């Protein structure tokens, strides 16, 4: 049984990676429906929380059906991270996660996210500040290192465990790689197989099929797998991976009806949480994934991403279901 603090996650948990502008409550809801064992909020700026920035505060929204759920924060200042941890503590998540892996320029330029990989002592201080400021289990998501010459994840793992981190999720790329090239899981395995390491180690990067999930589980010995981009528009990845690991057999892909049902739940959740205008606008990035595999679907997709009327979107999805109802299994 894999545990983070007192949180029981099963024998081989599947985690939904925190993704900026993606893993909001409506998206998390459909991923939970199809088997995500642990989920996280989008990352939240410690500075934004302290300033009471509306967008940062809204990201603190969590719901009981999502549990266990972690709130993820990032920042480069000890005092700000400590105060943010106290704020997070009051909202009642199951754990607090710290992002030391985000590679995007606007985060790195502030000395946060993956930028902290250049200064392990600072990473330790920032993490310690959070641990001292919350009663929640504290976990960390990070990368192998800043670049190919500074892959310091083995040192990072030991030092973070020594100060009280409860679990570590490792993306198998450096910051320099961004999301290019293949994720290297050999160093993730080195961390997991270090006899000093006793906290759960979760691997992240390039898991997009049930076969790969089982292969990496067996080859690298991690305690669980974190899935990110492969879940966008395809939350069924979680149930398919679980079924394949347990049986060695493939589940049938979701039917068109299942796809549209999940798409609608995501859409209406987005509208309910963000308001109609923003909810419809931000849902547009997901339609291509939900409709992937349908032939000649471009016309419908174009209409979905241009209309601002909820009832019209619903009508277009009905048209899709009628037109493609004979295509029971999608690519």
C-alpha atoms as a PDB file:
ATOM      1  CA  UNK A   1       0.000   0.000   0.000  1.00  0.00           C
ATOM      2  CA  UNK A   2       1.446   3.368  -1.056  1.00  0.00           C
ATOM      3  CA  UNK A   3       0.874   6.084   1.540  1.00  0.00           C
ATOM      4  CA  UNK A   4       1.605   9.792   1.754  1.00  0.00           C
ATOM      5  CA  UNK A   5       1.352  10.589   5.436  1.00  0.00           C
ATOM      6  CA  UNK A   6      -1.916   8.903   6.410  1.00  0.00           C
ATOM      7  CA  UNK A   7      -3.330   9.053   2.874  1.00  0.00           C
ATOM      8  CA  UNK A   8      -3.721   5.564   1.415  1.00  0.00           C
ATOM      9  CA  UNK A   9      -3.409   5.511  -2.382  1.00  0.00           C
ATOM     10  CA  UNK A  10      -3.579   1.814  -3.237  1.00  0.00           C
ATOM     11  CA  UNK A  11      -0.892  -0.551  -4.499  1.00  0.00           C
ATOM     12  CA  UNK A  12       0.197   1.420  -7.570  1.00  0.00           C
ATOM     13  CA  UNK A  13      -1.489   4.825  -7.720  1.00  0.00           C
ATOM     14  CA  UNK A  14      -1.973   6.884 -10.840  1.00  0.00           C
ATOM     15  CA  UNK A  15      -1.602  10.615 -10.283  1.00  0.00           C
ATOM     16  CA  UNK A  16      -2.957  13.427 -12.417  1.00  0.00           C
ATOM     17  CA  UNK A  17      -0.145  15.898 -13.009  1.00  0.00           C
ATOM     18  CA  UNK A  18      -0.820  19.537 -12.170  1.00  0.00           C
ATOM     19  CA  UNK A  19      -0.987  21.440 -15.473  1.00  0.00           C
ATOM     20  CA  UNK A  20      -1.352  25.199 -15.745  1.00  0.00           C
ATOM     21  CA  UNK A  21      -4.573  26.264 -17.515  1.00  0.00           C
ATOM     22  CA  UNK A  22      -5.657  22.608 -17.720  1.00  0.00           C
ATOM     23  CA  UNK A  23      -6.081  20.847 -14.369  1.00  0.00           C
ATOM     24  CA  UNK A  24      -8.876  22.997 -12.987  1.00  0.00           C
ATOM     25  CA  UNK A  25     -11.854  21.494 -11.094  1.00  0.00           C
ATOM     26  CA  UNK A  26     -13.941  20.691 -14.216  1.00  0.00           C
ATOM     27  CA  UNK A  27     -11.040  18.801 -15.790  1.00  0.00           C
ATOM     28  CA  UNK A  28     -10.182  17.066 -12.540  1.00  0.00           C
ATOM     29  CA  UNK A  29     -13.790  15.915 -12.185  1.00  0.00           C
ATOM     30  CA  UNK A  30     -13.701  13.859 -15.393  1.00  0.00           C
ATOM     31  CA  UNK A  31     -10.264  12.461 -14.550  1.00  0.00           C
ATOM     32  CA  UNK A  32     -11.550  11.374 -11.146  1.00  0.00           C
ATOM     33  CA  UNK A  33     -14.501   9.650 -12.828  1.00  0.00           C
ATOM     34  CA  UNK A  34     -12.113   7.453 -14.785  1.00  0.00           C
ATOM     35  CA  UNK A  35      -9.641   6.449 -12.135  1.00  0.00           C
ATOM     36  CA  UNK A  36      -7.163   9.160 -11.100  1.00  0.00           C
ATOM     37  CA  UNK A  37      -6.066   8.230  -7.564  1.00  0.00           C
ATOM     38  CA  UNK A  38      -4.489  11.553  -6.558  1.00  0.00           C
ATOM     39  CA  UNK A  39      -4.910  14.937  -8.206  1.00  0.00           C
ATOM     40  CA  UNK A  40      -3.468  18.406  -7.800  1.00  0.00           C
ATOM     41  CA  UNK A  41      -4.626  21.921  -8.472  1.00  0.00           C
ATOM     42  CA  UNK A  42      -2.957  24.056 -11.081  1.00  0.00           C
ATOM     43  CA  UNK A  43       0.136  25.588  -9.553  1.00  0.00           C
ATOM     44  CA  UNK A  44      -0.509  28.725  -7.540  1.00  0.00           C
ATOM     45  CA  UNK A  45       1.885  31.641  -7.158  1.00  0.00           C
ATOM     46  CA  UNK A  46       2.872  32.259  -3.552  1.00  0.00           C
ATOM     47  CA  UNK A  47       3.139  35.962  -4.340  1.00  0.00           C
ATOM     48  CA  UNK A  48      -0.336  35.911  -5.896  1.00  0.00           C
ATOM     49  CA  UNK A  49      -1.848  34.254  -2.847  1.00  0.00           C
ATOM     50  CA  UNK A  50      -0.339  36.850  -0.538  1.00  0.00           C
ATOM     51  CA  UNK A  51      -1.566  39.701  -2.754  1.00  0.00           C
ATOM     52  CA  UNK A  52      -5.002  38.061  -2.705  1.00  0.00           C
ATOM     53  CA  UNK A  53      -4.951  37.923  -6.501  1.00  0.00           C
ATOM     54  CA  UNK A  54      -8.355  36.673  -7.660  1.00  0.00           C
ATOM     55  CA  UNK A  55      -7.033  34.051 -10.075  1.00  0.00           C
ATOM     56  CA  UNK A  56      -4.647  32.632  -7.493  1.00  0.00           C
ATOM     57  CA  UNK A  57      -7.352  32.455  -4.832  1.00  0.00           C
ATOM     58  CA  UNK A  58      -9.801  30.782  -7.207  1.00  0.00           C
ATOM     59  CA  UNK A  59      -7.289  27.994  -7.810  1.00  0.00           C
ATOM     60  CA  UNK A  60      -7.647  27.057  -4.136  1.00  0.00           C
ATOM     61  CA  UNK A  61     -11.148  25.728  -4.875  1.00  0.00           C
ATOM     62  CA  UNK A  62     -11.346  22.030  -4.080  1.00  0.00           C
ATOM     63  CA  UNK A  63     -14.320  19.703  -3.662  1.00  0.00           C
ATOM     64  CA  UNK A  64     -14.895  16.640  -1.499  1.00  0.00           C
ATOM     65  CA  UNK A  65     -15.447  14.322  -4.481  1.00  0.00           C
ATOM     66  CA  UNK A  66     -11.883  15.081  -5.627  1.00  0.00           C
ATOM     67  CA  UNK A  67     -10.191  13.722  -2.523  1.00  0.00           C
ATOM     68  CA  UNK A  68      -7.430  12.985  -2.039  1.00  0.00           C
ATOM     69  CA  UNK A  69      -6.417  16.326  -3.532  1.00  0.00           C
ATOM     70  CA  UNK A  70      -3.248  18.384  -3.227  1.00  0.00           C
ATOM     71  CA  UNK A  71      -2.810  22.116  -3.660  1.00  0.00           C
ATOM     72  CA  UNK A  72       0.402  23.029  -5.466  1.00  0.00           C
ATOM     73  CA  UNK A  73       2.294  26.281  -4.912  1.00  0.00           C
ATOM     74  CA  UNK A  74       5.450  27.797  -6.354  1.00  0.00           C
ATOM     75  CA  UNK A  75       7.753  30.653  -5.466  1.00  0.00           C
ATOM     76  CA  UNK A  76      11.314  31.649  -4.699  1.00  0.00           C
ATOM     77  CA  UNK A  77      10.993  33.542  -1.418  1.00  0.00           C
ATOM     78  CA  UNK A  78      11.013  31.749   1.932  1.00  0.00           C
ATOM     79  CA  UNK A  79       8.654  34.126   3.717  1.00  0.00           C
ATOM     80  CA  UNK A  80       6.164  34.127   0.852  1.00  0.00           C
ATOM     81  CA  UNK A  81       6.200  30.339   0.626  1.00  0.00           C
ATOM     82  CA  UNK A  82       5.730  30.003   4.383  1.00  0.00           C
ATOM     83  CA  UNK A  83       2.771  32.371   4.409  1.00  0.00           C
ATOM     84  CA  UNK A  84       1.270  30.652   1.371  1.00  0.00           C
ATOM     85  CA  UNK A  85       1.552  27.291   3.103  1.00  0.00           C
ATOM     86  CA  UNK A  86      -0.430  28.716   6.036  1.00  0.00           C
ATOM     87  CA  UNK A  87      -3.104  30.005   3.652  1.00  0.00           C
ATOM     88  CA  UNK A  88      -3.310  26.623   1.917  1.00  0.00           C
ATOM     89  CA  UNK A  89      -3.586  24.875   5.268  1.00  0.00           C
ATOM     90  CA  UNK A  90      -6.807  26.739   6.052  1.00  0.00           C
ATOM     91  CA  UNK A  91      -8.524  25.494   2.867  1.00  0.00           C
ATOM     92  CA  UNK A  92      -8.341  21.845   3.939  1.00  0.00           C
ATOM     93  CA  UNK A  93      -6.643  19.913   1.129  1.00  0.00           C
ATOM     94  CA  UNK A  94      -5.111  16.506   1.820  1.00  0.00           C
ATOM     95  CA  UNK A  95      -1.574  17.646   1.085  1.00  0.00           C
ATOM     96  CA  UNK A  96       0.570  20.572  -0.025  1.00  0.00           C
ATOM     97  CA  UNK A  97       2.767  20.130  -3.093  1.00  0.00           C
ATOM     98  CA  UNK A  98       5.652  22.400  -4.104  1.00  0.00           C
ATOM     99  CA  UNK A  99       6.496  22.953  -7.759  1.00  0.00           C
ATOM    100  CA  UNK A 100      10.236  22.919  -8.427  1.00  0.00           C
ATOM    101  CA  UNK A 101       9.815  21.703 -11.986  1.00  0.00           C
ATOM    102  CA  UNK A 102       7.867  24.191 -14.098  1.00  0.00           C
ATOM    103  CA  UNK A 103      10.163  25.150 -17.006  1.00  0.00           C
ATOM    104  CA  UNK A 104       8.246  28.080 -18.498  1.00  0.00           C
ATOM    105  CA  UNK A 105      10.124  31.332 -18.793  1.00  0.00           C
ATOM    106  CA  UNK A 106       7.684  33.549 -16.880  1.00  0.00           C
ATOM    107  CA  UNK A 107       8.067  31.318 -13.805  1.00  0.00           C
ATOM    108  CA  UNK A 108      11.786  30.630 -14.108  1.00  0.00           C
ATOM    109  CA  UNK A 109      12.566  34.331 -14.552  1.00  0.00           C
ATOM    110  CA  UNK A 110      11.085  34.939 -11.089  1.00  0.00           C
ATOM    111  CA  UNK A 111      13.500  32.446  -9.559  1.00  0.00           C
ATOM    112  CA  UNK A 112      10.727  29.894  -9.045  1.00  0.00           C
ATOM    113  CA  UNK A 113       9.728  26.523 -10.510  1.00  0.00           C
ATOM    114  CA  UNK A 114      12.638  24.772 -12.207  1.00  0.00           C
ATOM    115  CA  UNK A 115      14.920  27.769 -11.546  1.00  0.00           C
ATOM    116  CA  UNK A 116      15.300  26.519  -7.979  1.00  0.00           C
ATOM    117  CA  UNK A 117      17.098  23.449  -9.358  1.00  0.00           C
ATOM    118  CA  UNK A 118      20.155  25.679  -9.774  1.00  0.00           C
ATOM    119  CA  UNK A 119      20.351  26.186  -5.998  1.00  0.00           C
ATOM    120  CA  UNK A 120      19.659  23.071  -3.952  1.00  0.00           C
ATOM    121  CA  UNK A 121      20.296  24.906  -0.691  1.00  0.00           C
ATOM    122  CA  UNK A 122      17.523  27.348  -1.598  1.00  0.00           C
ATOM    123  CA  UNK A 123      15.236  24.450  -2.502  1.00  0.00           C
ATOM    124  CA  UNK A 124      15.813  22.970   0.931  1.00  0.00           C
ATOM    125  CA  UNK A 125      15.151  26.302   2.661  1.00  0.00           C
ATOM    126  CA  UNK A 126      11.943  26.937   0.697  1.00  0.00           C
ATOM    127  CA  UNK A 127      10.693  23.428   1.415  1.00  0.00           C
ATOM    128  CA  UNK A 128      11.570  23.671   5.103  1.00  0.00           C
ATOM    129  CA  UNK A 129       9.673  26.954   5.334  1.00  0.00           C
ATOM    130  CA  UNK A 130       6.556  25.240   3.993  1.00  0.00           C
ATOM    131  CA  UNK A 131       6.900  22.181   6.220  1.00  0.00           C
ATOM    132  CA  UNK A 132       7.193  24.381   9.314  1.00  0.00           C
ATOM    133  CA  UNK A 133       4.102  26.367   8.307  1.00  0.00           C
ATOM    134  CA  UNK A 134       1.577  23.610   7.685  1.00  0.00           C
ATOM    135  CA  UNK A 135       0.150  20.543   9.375  1.00  0.00           C
ATOM    136  CA  UNK A 136      -0.336  18.910   5.959  1.00  0.00           C
ATOM    137  CA  UNK A 137       1.986  16.357   4.372  1.00  0.00           C
ATOM    138  CA  UNK A 138       4.320  18.243   2.023  1.00  0.00           C
ATOM    139  CA  UNK A 139       5.347  16.721  -1.310  1.00  0.00           C
ATOM    140  CA  UNK A 140       7.505  18.021  -4.144  1.00  0.00           C
ATOM    141  CA  UNK A 141       7.368  17.798  -7.928  1.00  0.00           C
ATOM    142  CA  UNK A 142      10.630  18.480  -9.707  1.00  0.00           C
ATOM    143  CA  UNK A 143      12.889  17.548 -12.638  1.00  0.00           C
ATOM    144  CA  UNK A 144      16.204  15.755 -13.057  1.00  0.00           C
ATOM    145  CA  UNK A 145      18.133  19.023 -12.903  1.00  0.00           C
ATOM    146  CA  UNK A 146      18.604  22.361 -14.630  1.00  0.00           C
ATOM    147  CA  UNK A 147      20.526  21.029 -17.640  1.00  0.00           C
ATOM    148  CA  UNK A 148      22.481  17.981 -18.807  1.00  0.00           C
ATOM    149  CA  UNK A 149      25.473  19.007 -16.691  1.00  0.00           C
ATOM    150  CA  UNK A 150      23.545  19.426 -13.437  1.00  0.00           C
ATOM    151  CA  UNK A 151      21.327  16.380 -13.042  1.00  0.00           C
ATOM    152  CA  UNK A 152      21.282  16.581  -9.248  1.00  0.00           C
ATOM    153  CA  UNK A 153      18.031  14.726  -8.529  1.00  0.00           C
ATOM    154  CA  UNK A 154      19.699  12.047  -6.383  1.00  0.00           C
ATOM    155  CA  UNK A 155      21.103  14.665  -4.018  1.00  0.00           C
ATOM    156  CA  UNK A 156      17.822  16.581  -4.108  1.00  0.00           C
ATOM    157  CA  UNK A 157      15.807  13.493  -3.177  1.00  0.00           C
ATOM    158  CA  UNK A 158      17.954  12.669  -0.159  1.00  0.00           C
ATOM    159  CA  UNK A 159      18.032  16.212   1.144  1.00  0.00           C
ATOM    160  CA  UNK A 160      14.291  16.748   0.724  1.00  0.00           C
ATOM    161  CA  UNK A 161      13.493  13.467   2.435  1.00  0.00           C
ATOM    162  CA  UNK A 162      15.837  14.378   5.295  1.00  0.00           C
ATOM    163  CA  UNK A 163      13.897  17.575   6.051  1.00  0.00           C
ATOM    164  CA  UNK A 164      10.519  15.821   6.050  1.00  0.00           C
ATOM    165  CA  UNK A 165       9.091  15.709   2.531  1.00  0.00           C
ATOM    166  CA  UNK A 166       6.465  12.938   2.337  1.00  0.00           C
ATOM    167  CA  UNK A 167       6.750  11.997  -1.361  1.00  0.00           C
ATOM    168  CA  UNK A 168       8.544  13.071  -4.509  1.00  0.00           C
ATOM    169  CA  UNK A 169       7.306  13.204  -8.113  1.00  0.00           C
ATOM    170  CA  UNK A 170      10.069  13.378 -10.709  1.00  0.00           C
ATOM    171  CA  UNK A 171       9.684  14.436 -14.330  1.00  0.00           C
ATOM    172  CA  UNK A 172      12.347  12.679 -16.370  1.00  0.00           C
ATOM    173  CA  UNK A 173      13.673  15.755 -18.165  1.00  0.00           C
ATOM    174  CA  UNK A 174      15.855  18.727 -17.287  1.00  0.00           C
ATOM    175  CA  UNK A 175      14.586  22.279 -17.437  1.00  0.00           C
ATOM    176  CA  UNK A 176      16.744  22.826 -20.513  1.00  0.00           C
ATOM    177  CA  UNK A 177      14.798  20.118 -22.363  1.00  0.00           C
ATOM    178  CA  UNK A 178      11.407  21.677 -21.625  1.00  0.00           C
ATOM    179  CA  UNK A 179       9.100  18.968 -23.046  1.00  0.00           C
ATOM    180  CA  UNK A 180      11.371  17.958 -25.930  1.00  0.00           C
ATOM    181  CA  UNK A 181      13.096  14.637 -26.465  1.00  0.00           C
ATOM    182  CA  UNK A 182      12.376  11.503 -24.479  1.00  0.00           C
ATOM    183  CA  UNK A 183      12.012  11.500 -20.718  1.00  0.00           C
ATOM    184  CA  UNK A 184      14.905   9.666 -19.053  1.00  0.00           C
ATOM    185  CA  UNK A 185      13.611   7.442 -16.264  1.00  0.00           C
ATOM    186  CA  UNK A 186      16.976   5.904 -15.353  1.00  0.00           C
ATOM    187  CA  UNK A 187      17.690   8.613 -12.780  1.00  0.00           C
ATOM    188  CA  UNK A 188      14.154   8.267 -11.405  1.00  0.00           C
ATOM    189  CA  UNK A 189      14.957   4.582 -10.886  1.00  0.00           C
ATOM    190  CA  UNK A 190      18.267   5.510  -9.236  1.00  0.00           C
ATOM    191  CA  UNK A 191      16.382   7.623  -6.709  1.00  0.00           C
ATOM    192  CA  UNK A 192      13.817   4.887  -6.062  1.00  0.00           C
ATOM    193  CA  UNK A 193      16.497   2.197  -5.659  1.00  0.00           C
ATOM    194  CA  UNK A 194      18.644   4.274  -3.309  1.00  0.00           C
ATOM    195  CA  UNK A 195      18.539   2.309  -0.011  1.00  0.00           C
ATOM    196  CA  UNK A 196      18.361   5.612   1.903  1.00  0.00           C
ATOM    197  CA  UNK A 197      15.089   6.583   0.222  1.00  0.00           C
ATOM    198  CA  UNK A 198      11.928   5.388   1.938  1.00  0.00           C
ATOM    199  CA  UNK A 199       9.327   7.945   0.773  1.00  0.00           C
ATOM    200  CA  UNK A 200       7.136   7.180  -2.289  1.00  0.00           C
ATOM    201  CA  UNK A 201       8.749   8.065  -5.613  1.00  0.00           C
ATOM    202  CA  UNK A 202       6.429   8.772  -8.539  1.00  0.00           C
ATOM    203  CA  UNK A 203       7.652   8.876 -12.131  1.00  0.00           C
ATOM    204  CA  UNK A 204       6.396  11.375 -14.696  1.00  0.00           C
ATOM    205  CA  UNK A 205       7.028  11.916 -18.393  1.00  0.00           C
ATOM    206  CA  UNK A 206       5.857  10.337 -21.669  1.00  0.00           C
ATOM    207  CA  UNK A 207       3.363   7.856 -20.199  1.00  0.00           C
ATOM    208  CA  UNK A 208       0.694   7.806 -22.893  1.00  0.00           C
ATOM    209  CA  UNK A 209      -0.268   4.126 -23.277  1.00  0.00           C
ATOM    210  CA  UNK A 210      -1.136   1.259 -20.928  1.00  0.00           C
ATOM    211  CA  UNK A 211       1.777  -0.749 -22.330  1.00  0.00           C
ATOM    212  CA  UNK A 212       4.285   1.952 -21.495  1.00  0.00           C
ATOM    213  CA  UNK A 213       2.847   2.357 -18.003  1.00  0.00           C
ATOM    214  CA  UNK A 214       3.295  -1.343 -17.237  1.00  0.00           C
ATOM    215  CA  UNK A 215       6.738  -1.437 -18.851  1.00  0.00           C
ATOM    216  CA  UNK A 216       7.972   1.535 -16.812  1.00  0.00           C
ATOM    217  CA  UNK A 217       6.410   0.182 -13.620  1.00  0.00           C
ATOM    218  CA  UNK A 218       8.321  -3.058 -14.008  1.00  0.00           C
ATOM    219  CA  UNK A 219      11.553  -1.611 -15.377  1.00  0.00           C
ATOM    220  CA  UNK A 220      12.022   1.320 -13.017  1.00  0.00           C
ATOM    221  CA  UNK A 221      10.266   0.126  -9.865  1.00  0.00           C
ATOM    222  CA  UNK A 222       8.510   3.412  -9.052  1.00  0.00           C
ATOM    223  CA  UNK A 223       5.705   3.536  -6.494  1.00  0.00           C
ATOM    224  CA  UNK A 224       3.249   5.076  -8.951  1.00  0.00           C
ATOM    225  CA  UNK A 225       2.993   7.036 -12.161  1.00  0.00           C
ATOM    226  CA  UNK A 226       1.978  10.631 -12.784  1.00  0.00           C
ATOM    227  CA  UNK A 227       0.142  11.257 -16.056  1.00  0.00           C
ATOM    228  CA  UNK A 228      -0.243  14.708 -17.569  1.00  0.00           C
ATOM    229  CA  UNK A 229      -0.694  15.545 -21.235  1.00  0.00           C
ATOM    230  CA  UNK A 230      -2.031  12.089 -22.153  1.00  0.00           C
ATOM    231  CA  UNK A 231      -5.099  12.773 -19.988  1.00  0.00           C
ATOM    232  CA  UNK A 232      -6.107  15.946 -21.841  1.00  0.00           C
ATOM    233  CA  UNK A 233      -9.321  15.084 -23.651  1.00  0.00           C
ATOM    234  CA  UNK A 234      -8.727  11.441 -22.763  1.00  0.00           C
ATOM    235  CA  UNK A 235      -9.389  10.856 -19.045  1.00  0.00           C
ATOM    236  CA  UNK A 236      -9.945   7.166 -19.867  1.00  0.00           C
ATOM    237  CA  UNK A 237      -6.167   6.721 -19.813  1.00  0.00           C
ATOM    238  CA  UNK A 238      -6.387   6.096 -16.054  1.00  0.00           C
ATOM    239  CA  UNK A 239      -8.888   3.242 -16.210  1.00  0.00           C
ATOM    240  CA  UNK A 240      -7.136   1.741 -19.245  1.00  0.00           C
ATOM    241  CA  UNK A 241      -3.750   1.726 -17.505  1.00  0.00           C
ATOM    242  CA  UNK A 242      -5.217   0.175 -14.356  1.00  0.00           C
ATOM    243  CA  UNK A 243      -7.002  -2.538 -16.304  1.00  0.00           C
ATOM    244  CA  UNK A 244      -3.903  -3.385 -18.322  1.00  0.00           C
ATOM    245  CA  UNK A 245      -1.662  -3.538 -15.247  1.00  0.00           C
ATOM    246  CA  UNK A 246      -4.150  -5.791 -13.451  1.00  0.00           C
ATOM    247  CA  UNK A 247      -5.059  -8.102 -16.332  1.00  0.00           C
ATOM    248  CA  UNK A 248      -2.584  -7.657 -19.186  1.00  0.00           C
ATOM    249  CA  UNK A 249      -5.570  -6.985 -21.431  1.00  0.00           C
ATOM    250  CA  UNK A 250      -6.799  -3.853 -23.159  1.00  0.00           C
ATOM    251  CA  UNK A 251     -10.101  -2.224 -22.350  1.00  0.00           C
ATOM    252  CA  UNK A 252     -12.181  -1.199 -25.323  1.00  0.00           C
ATOM    253  CA  UNK A 253     -11.709   2.513 -26.089  1.00  0.00           C
ATOM    254  CA  UNK A 254     -14.525   4.829 -25.038  1.00  0.00           C
ATOM    255  CA  UNK A 255     -17.487   4.955 -27.346  1.00  0.00           C
ATOM    256  CA  UNK A 256     -18.522   8.168 -29.023  1.00  0.00           C
ATOM    257  CA  UNK A 257     -21.342   8.465 -26.504  1.00  0.00           C
ATOM    258  CA  UNK A 258     -18.872   8.198 -23.604  1.00  0.00           C
ATOM    259  CA  UNK A 259     -16.615  10.809 -25.158  1.00  0.00           C
ATOM    260  CA  UNK A 260     -19.414  13.285 -25.617  1.00  0.00           C
ATOM    261  CA  UNK A 261     -20.769  12.609 -22.137  1.00  0.00           C
ATOM    262  CA  UNK A 262     -17.375  13.448 -20.619  1.00  0.00           C
ATOM    263  CA  UNK A 263     -17.011  16.466 -22.891  1.00  0.00           C
ATOM    264  CA  UNK A 264     -20.392  17.795 -21.778  1.00  0.00           C
ATOM    265  CA  UNK A 265     -19.612  17.225 -18.108  1.00  0.00           C
ATOM    266  CA  UNK A 266     -16.342  19.106 -18.583  1.00  0.00           C
ATOM    267  CA  UNK A 267     -18.107  21.922 -20.451  1.00  0.00           C
ATOM    268  CA  UNK A 268     -20.915  22.399 -17.947  1.00  0.00           C
ATOM    269  CA  UNK A 269     -18.469  22.157 -15.058  1.00  0.00           C
ATOM    270  CA  UNK A 270     -16.338  24.830 -16.688  1.00  0.00           C
ATOM    271  CA  UNK A 271     -19.322  27.144 -17.124  1.00  0.00           C
ATOM    272  CA  UNK A 272     -20.505  26.523 -13.574  1.00  0.00           C
ATOM    273  CA  UNK A 273     -17.080  27.228 -12.057  1.00  0.00           C
ATOM    274  CA  UNK A 274     -15.875  30.107 -14.233  1.00  0.00           C
ATOM    275  CA  UNK A 275     -19.066  31.677 -15.517  1.00  0.00           C
ATOM    276  CA  UNK A 276     -20.526  31.222 -18.981  1.00  0.00           C
ATOM    277  CA  UNK A 277     -18.254  33.503 -20.996  1.00  0.00           C
ATOM    278  CA  UNK A 278     -14.912  32.369 -19.583  1.00  0.00           C
ATOM    279  CA  UNK A 279     -16.052  28.770 -19.153  1.00  0.00           C
ATOM    280  CA  UNK A 280     -16.935  28.488 -22.832  1.00  0.00           C
ATOM    281  CA  UNK A 281     -13.776  30.278 -23.910  1.00  0.00           C
ATOM    282  CA  UNK A 282     -11.417  28.091 -21.897  1.00  0.00           C
ATOM    283  CA  UNK A 283     -13.175  24.890 -22.946  1.00  0.00           C
ATOM    284  CA  UNK A 284     -12.206  25.500 -26.568  1.00  0.00           C
ATOM    285  CA  UNK A 285      -8.731  24.038 -26.102  1.00  0.00           C
ATOM    286  CA  UNK A 286     -10.229  20.641 -25.239  1.00  0.00           C
ATOM    287  CA  UNK A 287     -12.592  19.870 -28.127  1.00  0.00           C
ATOM    288  CA  UNK A 288      -9.912  18.633 -30.535  1.00  0.00           C
ATOM    289  CA  UNK A 289      -8.828  16.002 -28.014  1.00  0.00           C
ATOM    290  CA  UNK A 290     -12.342  14.850 -27.171  1.00  0.00           C
ATOM    291  CA  UNK A 291     -13.173  14.475 -30.870  1.00  0.00           C
ATOM    292  CA  UNK A 292      -9.866  12.960 -31.926  1.00  0.00           C
ATOM    293  CA  UNK A 293     -10.255  10.000 -34.260  1.00  0.00           C
ATOM    294  CA  UNK A 294     -13.449  11.160 -35.956  1.00  0.00           C
ATOM    295  CA  UNK A 295     -13.064  11.558 -39.694  1.00  0.00           C
ATOM    296  CA  UNK A 296     -13.761  14.952 -41.279  1.00  0.00           C
ATOM    297  CA  UNK A 297     -14.668  16.529 -37.935  1.00  0.00           C
ATOM    298  CA  UNK A 298     -12.988  19.863 -38.676  1.00  0.00           C
ATOM    299  CA  UNK A 299     -16.255  21.639 -39.534  1.00  0.00           C
ATOM    300  CA  UNK A 300     -17.786  20.734 -36.169  1.00  0.00           C
ATOM    301  CA  UNK A 301     -14.613  21.627 -34.321  1.00  0.00           C
ATOM    302  CA  UNK A 302     -14.455  25.030 -35.996  1.00  0.00           C
ATOM    303  CA  UNK A 303     -18.021  25.761 -34.975  1.00  0.00           C
ATOM    304  CA  UNK A 304     -17.380  24.656 -31.397  1.00  0.00           C
ATOM    305  CA  UNK A 305     -14.432  27.024 -30.986  1.00  0.00           C
ATOM    306  CA  UNK A 306     -16.191  30.053 -32.452  1.00  0.00           C
ATOM    307  CA  UNK A 307     -19.626  30.041 -30.841  1.00  0.00           C
ATOM    308  CA  UNK A 308     -20.209  31.750 -27.500  1.00  0.00           C
ATOM    309  CA  UNK A 309     -23.654  30.274 -26.902  1.00  0.00           C
ATOM    310  CA  UNK A 310     -23.955  27.281 -24.556  1.00  0.00           C
ATOM    311  CA  UNK A 311     -27.142  25.921 -26.124  1.00  0.00           C
ATOM    312  CA  UNK A 312     -25.546  26.122 -29.566  1.00  0.00           C
ATOM    313  CA  UNK A 313     -22.531  24.143 -28.354  1.00  0.00           C
ATOM    314  CA  UNK A 314     -24.892  21.524 -26.973  1.00  0.00           C
ATOM    315  CA  UNK A 315     -26.687  21.379 -30.321  1.00  0.00           C
ATOM    316  CA  UNK A 316     -23.387  20.936 -32.192  1.00  0.00           C
ATOM    317  CA  UNK A 317     -22.409  18.063 -29.901  1.00  0.00           C
ATOM    318  CA  UNK A 318     -25.798  16.488 -30.613  1.00  0.00           C
ATOM    319  CA  UNK A 319     -25.085  16.799 -34.344  1.00  0.00           C
ATOM    320  CA  UNK A 320     -21.740  15.080 -33.829  1.00  0.00           C
ATOM    321  CA  UNK A 321     -23.405  12.214 -31.989  1.00  0.00           C
ATOM    322  CA  UNK A 322     -26.007  11.727 -34.706  1.00  0.00           C
ATOM    323  CA  UNK A 323     -23.520  11.928 -37.579  1.00  0.00           C
ATOM    324  CA  UNK A 324     -20.904   9.615 -36.083  1.00  0.00           C
ATOM    325  CA  UNK A 325     -23.095   7.248 -34.114  1.00  0.00           C
ATOM    326  CA  UNK A 326     -22.053   4.360 -36.333  1.00  0.00           C
ATOM    327  CA  UNK A 327     -18.399   4.858 -35.277  1.00  0.00           C
ATOM    328  CA  UNK A 328     -18.626   3.051 -31.972  1.00  0.00           C
ATOM    329  CA  UNK A 329     -14.885   2.718 -31.425  1.00  0.00           C
ATOM    330  CA  UNK A 330     -12.580   5.646 -32.047  1.00  0.00           C
ATOM    331  CA  UNK A 331      -8.896   5.769 -32.776  1.00  0.00           C
END
